[in-house]
């Protein structure tokens, strides 16, 4: 696998991980009882910490990518393993 493919796949894992990590631990003003600023949206988070989100996103993306890469190199799970409907045989006919 080329390094550009590795980078592109890692970026995809990172973006997906960001969407998974973003809502974790976020509280709104209604949940915490904090005062709202004039013009602020009702669902705006009170305790957003971008450093924490970046750290957990990178950690999750790295772990998921390593699992993907090791599976790619060692062939632990292949297409044949998850082909429950014999699609490969039907395509070959």
C-alpha atoms as a PDB file:
ATOM      1  CA  UNK A   1       0.000   0.000   0.000  1.00  0.00           C
ATOM      2  CA  UNK A   2       1.363   3.413  -0.947  1.00  0.00           C
ATOM      3  CA  UNK A   3       1.893   6.054   1.706  1.00  0.00           C
ATOM      4  CA  UNK A   4      -0.682   8.309   0.004  1.00  0.00           C
ATOM      5  CA  UNK A   5      -3.309   5.570   0.349  1.00  0.00           C
ATOM      6  CA  UNK A   6      -2.368   5.102   3.990  1.00  0.00           C
ATOM      7  CA  UNK A   7      -2.717   8.842   4.602  1.00  0.00           C
ATOM      8  CA  UNK A   8      -6.069   9.070   2.794  1.00  0.00           C
ATOM      9  CA  UNK A   9      -7.519   6.111   4.688  1.00  0.00           C
ATOM     10  CA  UNK A  10      -6.238   7.484   8.007  1.00  0.00           C
ATOM     11  CA  UNK A  11      -7.877  10.850   7.287  1.00  0.00           C
ATOM     12  CA  UNK A  12     -11.172   9.069   6.599  1.00  0.00           C
ATOM     13  CA  UNK A  13     -10.872   7.212   9.906  1.00  0.00           C
ATOM     14  CA  UNK A  14     -10.062  10.515  11.646  1.00  0.00           C
ATOM     15  CA  UNK A  15     -13.114  12.311  10.267  1.00  0.00           C
ATOM     16  CA  UNK A  16     -15.435   9.437  11.158  1.00  0.00           C
ATOM     17  CA  UNK A  17     -13.899   9.319  14.639  1.00  0.00           C
ATOM     18  CA  UNK A  18     -14.447  13.070  15.049  1.00  0.00           C
ATOM     19  CA  UNK A  19     -18.165  12.656  14.413  1.00  0.00           C
ATOM     20  CA  UNK A  20     -18.251   9.846  16.961  1.00  0.00           C
ATOM     21  CA  UNK A  21     -16.316  11.774  19.644  1.00  0.00           C
ATOM     22  CA  UNK A  22     -17.879  15.247  19.216  1.00  0.00           C
ATOM     23  CA  UNK A  23     -21.154  14.678  21.093  1.00  0.00           C
ATOM     24  CA  UNK A  24     -19.603  12.787  24.013  1.00  0.00           C
ATOM     25  CA  UNK A  25     -19.719  14.726  27.275  1.00  0.00           C
ATOM     26  CA  UNK A  26     -21.277  17.890  25.842  1.00  0.00           C
ATOM     27  CA  UNK A  27     -23.854  19.625  28.059  1.00  0.00           C
ATOM     28  CA  UNK A  28     -26.194  22.474  27.145  1.00  0.00           C
ATOM     29  CA  UNK A  29     -27.142  25.469  29.281  1.00  0.00           C
ATOM     30  CA  UNK A  30     -30.453  23.855  30.222  1.00  0.00           C
ATOM     31  CA  UNK A  31     -28.660  20.776  31.553  1.00  0.00           C
ATOM     32  CA  UNK A  32     -26.093  22.682  33.602  1.00  0.00           C
ATOM     33  CA  UNK A  33     -28.226  25.635  34.690  1.00  0.00           C
ATOM     34  CA  UNK A  34     -25.705  28.170  33.339  1.00  0.00           C
ATOM     35  CA  UNK A  35     -26.773  31.620  32.162  1.00  0.00           C
ATOM     36  CA  UNK A  36     -27.067  32.153  28.424  1.00  0.00           C
ATOM     37  CA  UNK A  37     -25.510  35.053  26.541  1.00  0.00           C
ATOM     38  CA  UNK A  38     -27.868  37.200  24.436  1.00  0.00           C
ATOM     39  CA  UNK A  39     -28.118  35.771  20.917  1.00  0.00           C
ATOM     40  CA  UNK A  40     -26.772  32.371  21.888  1.00  0.00           C
ATOM     41  CA  UNK A  41     -28.441  29.245  20.517  1.00  0.00           C
ATOM     42  CA  UNK A  42     -30.392  27.088  22.957  1.00  0.00           C
ATOM     43  CA  UNK A  43     -28.346  23.982  22.174  1.00  0.00           C
ATOM     44  CA  UNK A  44     -24.928  25.653  22.319  1.00  0.00           C
ATOM     45  CA  UNK A  45     -22.525  23.622  24.465  1.00  0.00           C
ATOM     46  CA  UNK A  46     -21.310  24.997  27.775  1.00  0.00           C
ATOM     47  CA  UNK A  47     -18.237  22.826  28.240  1.00  0.00           C
ATOM     48  CA  UNK A  48     -16.783  22.322  24.735  1.00  0.00           C
ATOM     49  CA  UNK A  49     -13.066  21.449  24.959  1.00  0.00           C
ATOM     50  CA  UNK A  50     -11.492  21.231  21.493  1.00  0.00           C
ATOM     51  CA  UNK A  51      -8.183  19.878  22.801  1.00  0.00           C
ATOM     52  CA  UNK A  52      -9.934  16.935  24.427  1.00  0.00           C
ATOM     53  CA  UNK A  53     -11.927  16.268  21.262  1.00  0.00           C
ATOM     54  CA  UNK A  54      -8.775  16.330  19.107  1.00  0.00           C
ATOM     55  CA  UNK A  55      -6.933  14.021  21.485  1.00  0.00           C
ATOM     56  CA  UNK A  56      -9.708  11.419  21.718  1.00  0.00           C
ATOM     57  CA  UNK A  57     -10.417  11.657  17.988  1.00  0.00           C
ATOM     58  CA  UNK A  58      -6.782  11.020  17.144  1.00  0.00           C
ATOM     59  CA  UNK A  59      -6.590   8.141  19.612  1.00  0.00           C
ATOM     60  CA  UNK A  60      -9.744   6.468  18.281  1.00  0.00           C
ATOM     61  CA  UNK A  61      -8.735   7.012  14.640  1.00  0.00           C
ATOM     62  CA  UNK A  62      -5.259   5.600  15.247  1.00  0.00           C
ATOM     63  CA  UNK A  63      -6.589   2.477  16.969  1.00  0.00           C
ATOM     64  CA  UNK A  64      -9.199   1.888  14.259  1.00  0.00           C
ATOM     65  CA  UNK A  65      -6.657   2.462  11.488  1.00  0.00           C
ATOM     66  CA  UNK A  66      -4.164   0.080  13.086  1.00  0.00           C
ATOM     67  CA  UNK A  67      -6.836  -2.618  13.251  1.00  0.00           C
ATOM     68  CA  UNK A  68      -7.672  -1.953   9.595  1.00  0.00           C
ATOM     69  CA  UNK A  69      -4.035  -1.985   8.514  1.00  0.00           C
ATOM     70  CA  UNK A  70      -3.156  -5.177  10.394  1.00  0.00           C
ATOM     71  CA  UNK A  71      -6.232  -6.852   8.945  1.00  0.00           C
ATOM     72  CA  UNK A  72      -5.161  -5.656   5.483  1.00  0.00           C
ATOM     73  CA  UNK A  73      -1.654  -7.071   5.863  1.00  0.00           C
ATOM     74  CA  UNK A  74      -2.538 -10.316   7.697  1.00  0.00           C
ATOM     75  CA  UNK A  75      -5.902 -11.040   5.999  1.00  0.00           C
ATOM     76  CA  UNK A  76      -7.673 -11.940   9.237  1.00  0.00           C
ATOM     77  CA  UNK A  77     -11.094 -11.111   7.770  1.00  0.00           C
ATOM     78  CA  UNK A  78     -11.511 -11.298   4.003  1.00  0.00           C
ATOM     79  CA  UNK A  79     -14.389 -10.682   1.608  1.00  0.00           C
ATOM     80  CA  UNK A  80     -15.007 -14.417   1.481  1.00  0.00           C
ATOM     81  CA  UNK A  81     -15.484 -14.468   5.265  1.00  0.00           C
ATOM     82  CA  UNK A  82     -18.308 -11.921   5.190  1.00  0.00           C
ATOM     83  CA  UNK A  83     -19.973 -13.033   1.924  1.00  0.00           C
ATOM     84  CA  UNK A  84     -23.122 -14.501   3.477  1.00  0.00           C
ATOM     85  CA  UNK A  85     -25.165 -14.606   0.261  1.00  0.00           C
ATOM     86  CA  UNK A  86     -22.556 -16.142  -2.096  1.00  0.00           C
ATOM     87  CA  UNK A  87     -22.346 -12.930  -4.101  1.00  0.00           C
ATOM     88  CA  UNK A  88     -18.850 -13.699  -5.366  1.00  0.00           C
ATOM     89  CA  UNK A  89     -19.960 -16.991  -6.920  1.00  0.00           C
ATOM     90  CA  UNK A  90     -22.946 -15.317  -8.570  1.00  0.00           C
ATOM     91  CA  UNK A  91     -20.732 -12.568 -10.013  1.00  0.00           C
ATOM     92  CA  UNK A  92     -18.301 -15.106 -11.475  1.00  0.00           C
ATOM     93  CA  UNK A  93     -21.046 -16.876 -13.460  1.00  0.00           C
END
